[in-house]
């Protein structure tokens, strides 16, 4: 079961934002509906298993998906499921003061 949200800030925000490509977003969408193995994900997206496996490892490292292993007809299958439903990327750390560049008002 996926948790509701992951909030990424600081260096983690950079890593998450760099990982969110069109392919990884498509993978996350697929996994939001069901648990799938790498072969099935690759087939549904029309991409190679090697490439999908690389993307899955990245998403797992960032804790955006969970991976388990299951016996299949021809060996072990890597099963993937969503770990989160929502990703929030904090651009400005909460501990940073509100000092924005402000344009001075013209004098009348």
C-alpha atoms as a PDB file:
ATOM      1  CA  UNK A   1       0.000   0.000   0.000  1.00  0.00           C
ATOM      2  CA  UNK A   2       1.345   3.412  -0.957  1.00  0.00           C
ATOM      3  CA  UNK A   3       1.779   6.132   1.648  1.00  0.00           C
ATOM      4  CA  UNK A   4       0.037   9.402   0.945  1.00  0.00           C
ATOM      5  CA  UNK A   5       2.952  11.701   0.249  1.00  0.00           C
ATOM      6  CA  UNK A   6       6.697  12.147   0.189  1.00  0.00           C
ATOM      7  CA  UNK A   7       8.043  15.661   0.759  1.00  0.00           C
ATOM      8  CA  UNK A   8      11.453  16.192  -0.812  1.00  0.00           C
ATOM      9  CA  UNK A   9      13.600  19.126   0.249  1.00  0.00           C
ATOM     10  CA  UNK A  10      17.224  20.148  -0.098  1.00  0.00           C
ATOM     11  CA  UNK A  11      19.478  17.637  -1.856  1.00  0.00           C
ATOM     12  CA  UNK A  12      16.691  15.056  -1.905  1.00  0.00           C
ATOM     13  CA  UNK A  13      14.499  17.509  -3.851  1.00  0.00           C
ATOM     14  CA  UNK A  14      17.229  17.823  -6.472  1.00  0.00           C
ATOM     15  CA  UNK A  15      17.608  14.051  -6.782  1.00  0.00           C
ATOM     16  CA  UNK A  16      13.849  13.489  -7.039  1.00  0.00           C
ATOM     17  CA  UNK A  17      13.331  16.252  -9.599  1.00  0.00           C
ATOM     18  CA  UNK A  18      16.213  14.935 -11.742  1.00  0.00           C
ATOM     19  CA  UNK A  19      14.701  11.442 -11.615  1.00  0.00           C
ATOM     20  CA  UNK A  20      11.234  12.516 -12.743  1.00  0.00           C
ATOM     21  CA  UNK A  21      11.427  12.062 -16.494  1.00  0.00           C
ATOM     22  CA  UNK A  22       8.578  11.196 -18.827  1.00  0.00           C
ATOM     23  CA  UNK A  23       9.529   7.512 -18.515  1.00  0.00           C
ATOM     24  CA  UNK A  24       9.670   7.429 -14.726  1.00  0.00           C
ATOM     25  CA  UNK A  25       6.377   9.315 -14.510  1.00  0.00           C
ATOM     26  CA  UNK A  26       4.788   6.770 -16.851  1.00  0.00           C
ATOM     27  CA  UNK A  27       6.163   3.970 -14.655  1.00  0.00           C
ATOM     28  CA  UNK A  28       4.773   5.627 -11.506  1.00  0.00           C
ATOM     29  CA  UNK A  29       1.367   6.010 -13.178  1.00  0.00           C
ATOM     30  CA  UNK A  30       1.297   2.336 -14.125  1.00  0.00           C
ATOM     31  CA  UNK A  31       2.282   1.299 -10.612  1.00  0.00           C
ATOM     32  CA  UNK A  32      -0.329   3.553  -9.023  1.00  0.00           C
ATOM     33  CA  UNK A  33      -2.970   1.100 -10.280  1.00  0.00           C
ATOM     34  CA  UNK A  34      -1.315  -2.276  -9.822  1.00  0.00           C
ATOM     35  CA  UNK A  35       1.790  -4.221  -8.846  1.00  0.00           C
ATOM     36  CA  UNK A  36       3.766  -5.187 -11.981  1.00  0.00           C
ATOM     37  CA  UNK A  37       6.977  -6.974 -12.875  1.00  0.00           C
ATOM     38  CA  UNK A  38       9.758  -5.322 -14.885  1.00  0.00           C
ATOM     39  CA  UNK A  39       8.922  -7.312 -18.040  1.00  0.00           C
ATOM     40  CA  UNK A  40       5.287  -6.211 -17.989  1.00  0.00           C
ATOM     41  CA  UNK A  41       6.226  -2.565 -17.422  1.00  0.00           C
ATOM     42  CA  UNK A  42       8.686  -2.704 -20.333  1.00  0.00           C
ATOM     43  CA  UNK A  43       6.095  -4.339 -22.574  1.00  0.00           C
ATOM     44  CA  UNK A  44       3.357  -1.820 -21.728  1.00  0.00           C
ATOM     45  CA  UNK A  45       5.675   1.138 -22.295  1.00  0.00           C
ATOM     46  CA  UNK A  46       7.309  -0.330 -25.395  1.00  0.00           C
ATOM     47  CA  UNK A  47      10.807  -0.015 -23.921  1.00  0.00           C
ATOM     48  CA  UNK A  48      13.620  -2.476 -23.216  1.00  0.00           C
ATOM     49  CA  UNK A  49      13.687  -4.443 -19.962  1.00  0.00           C
ATOM     50  CA  UNK A  50      17.261  -3.273 -19.338  1.00  0.00           C
ATOM     51  CA  UNK A  51      16.228   0.397 -19.513  1.00  0.00           C
ATOM     52  CA  UNK A  52      13.145  -0.137 -17.352  1.00  0.00           C
ATOM     53  CA  UNK A  53      15.227  -2.070 -14.817  1.00  0.00           C
ATOM     54  CA  UNK A  54      17.620   0.892 -14.576  1.00  0.00           C
ATOM     55  CA  UNK A  55      14.722   3.298 -14.036  1.00  0.00           C
ATOM     56  CA  UNK A  56      13.153   0.978 -11.445  1.00  0.00           C
ATOM     57  CA  UNK A  57      16.433   0.897  -9.483  1.00  0.00           C
ATOM     58  CA  UNK A  58      16.510   4.695  -9.459  1.00  0.00           C
ATOM     59  CA  UNK A  59      12.895   4.967  -8.284  1.00  0.00           C
ATOM     60  CA  UNK A  60      13.526   2.327  -5.607  1.00  0.00           C
ATOM     61  CA  UNK A  61      16.633   4.171  -4.375  1.00  0.00           C
ATOM     62  CA  UNK A  62      14.532   7.321  -3.969  1.00  0.00           C
ATOM     63  CA  UNK A  63      11.863   5.295  -2.106  1.00  0.00           C
ATOM     64  CA  UNK A  64       9.207   6.180  -4.676  1.00  0.00           C
ATOM     65  CA  UNK A  65       8.494   2.498  -5.355  1.00  0.00           C
ATOM     66  CA  UNK A  66       8.845  -0.751  -3.419  1.00  0.00           C
ATOM     67  CA  UNK A  67      10.373  -3.864  -4.952  1.00  0.00           C
ATOM     68  CA  UNK A  68       9.893  -7.491  -3.990  1.00  0.00           C
ATOM     69  CA  UNK A  69      10.812 -10.769  -5.640  1.00  0.00           C
ATOM     70  CA  UNK A  70       8.392 -13.520  -6.632  1.00  0.00           C
ATOM     71  CA  UNK A  71       8.839 -16.917  -8.255  1.00  0.00           C
ATOM     72  CA  UNK A  72       7.842 -16.945 -11.885  1.00  0.00           C
ATOM     73  CA  UNK A  73       7.599 -19.590 -14.597  1.00  0.00           C
ATOM     74  CA  UNK A  74      11.232 -19.048 -15.586  1.00  0.00           C
ATOM     75  CA  UNK A  75      12.970 -17.865 -12.421  1.00  0.00           C
ATOM     76  CA  UNK A  76      12.535 -14.927 -10.101  1.00  0.00           C
ATOM     77  CA  UNK A  77      10.433 -11.916 -11.097  1.00  0.00           C
ATOM     78  CA  UNK A  78      11.125  -8.419  -9.774  1.00  0.00           C
ATOM     79  CA  UNK A  79       7.744  -7.066  -8.666  1.00  0.00           C
ATOM     80  CA  UNK A  80       7.236  -3.314  -8.338  1.00  0.00           C
ATOM     81  CA  UNK A  81       4.581  -1.294  -6.551  1.00  0.00           C
ATOM     82  CA  UNK A  82       4.055   2.366  -5.823  1.00  0.00           C
ATOM     83  CA  UNK A  83       5.347   3.587  -2.458  1.00  0.00           C
ATOM     84  CA  UNK A  84       3.706   7.039  -2.625  1.00  0.00           C
ATOM     85  CA  UNK A  85       0.627   8.660  -4.106  1.00  0.00           C
ATOM     86  CA  UNK A  86       1.909  12.231  -4.100  1.00  0.00           C
ATOM     87  CA  UNK A  87       5.352  13.850  -4.416  1.00  0.00           C
ATOM     88  CA  UNK A  88       5.901  17.374  -3.118  1.00  0.00           C
ATOM     89  CA  UNK A  89       9.156  19.131  -3.945  1.00  0.00           C
ATOM     90  CA  UNK A  90      10.023  21.963  -1.587  1.00  0.00           C
ATOM     91  CA  UNK A  91      11.801  24.684  -3.554  1.00  0.00           C
ATOM     92  CA  UNK A  92      12.438  26.932  -0.586  1.00  0.00           C
ATOM     93  CA  UNK A  93      13.476  25.306   2.701  1.00  0.00           C
ATOM     94  CA  UNK A  94      11.044  26.010   5.526  1.00  0.00           C
ATOM     95  CA  UNK A  95      13.854  27.349   7.746  1.00  0.00           C
ATOM     96  CA  UNK A  96      14.745  30.079   5.235  1.00  0.00           C
ATOM     97  CA  UNK A  97      13.405  33.570   5.964  1.00  0.00           C
ATOM     98  CA  UNK A  98      11.086  35.305   3.539  1.00  0.00           C
ATOM     99  CA  UNK A  99      13.640  37.620   1.942  1.00  0.00           C
ATOM    100  CA  UNK A 100      12.586  38.092  -1.643  1.00  0.00           C
ATOM    101  CA  UNK A 101      13.860  40.701  -4.048  1.00  0.00           C
ATOM    102  CA  UNK A 102      11.334  43.429  -3.868  1.00  0.00           C
ATOM    103  CA  UNK A 103      11.066  46.233  -6.364  1.00  0.00           C
ATOM    104  CA  UNK A 104      10.835  49.575  -4.598  1.00  0.00           C
ATOM    105  CA  UNK A 105       7.595  51.425  -5.140  1.00  0.00           C
ATOM    106  CA  UNK A 106       7.964  54.495  -7.336  1.00  0.00           C
ATOM    107  CA  UNK A 107       7.696  57.777  -5.470  1.00  0.00           C
ATOM    108  CA  UNK A 108       4.837  60.001  -6.482  1.00  0.00           C
END
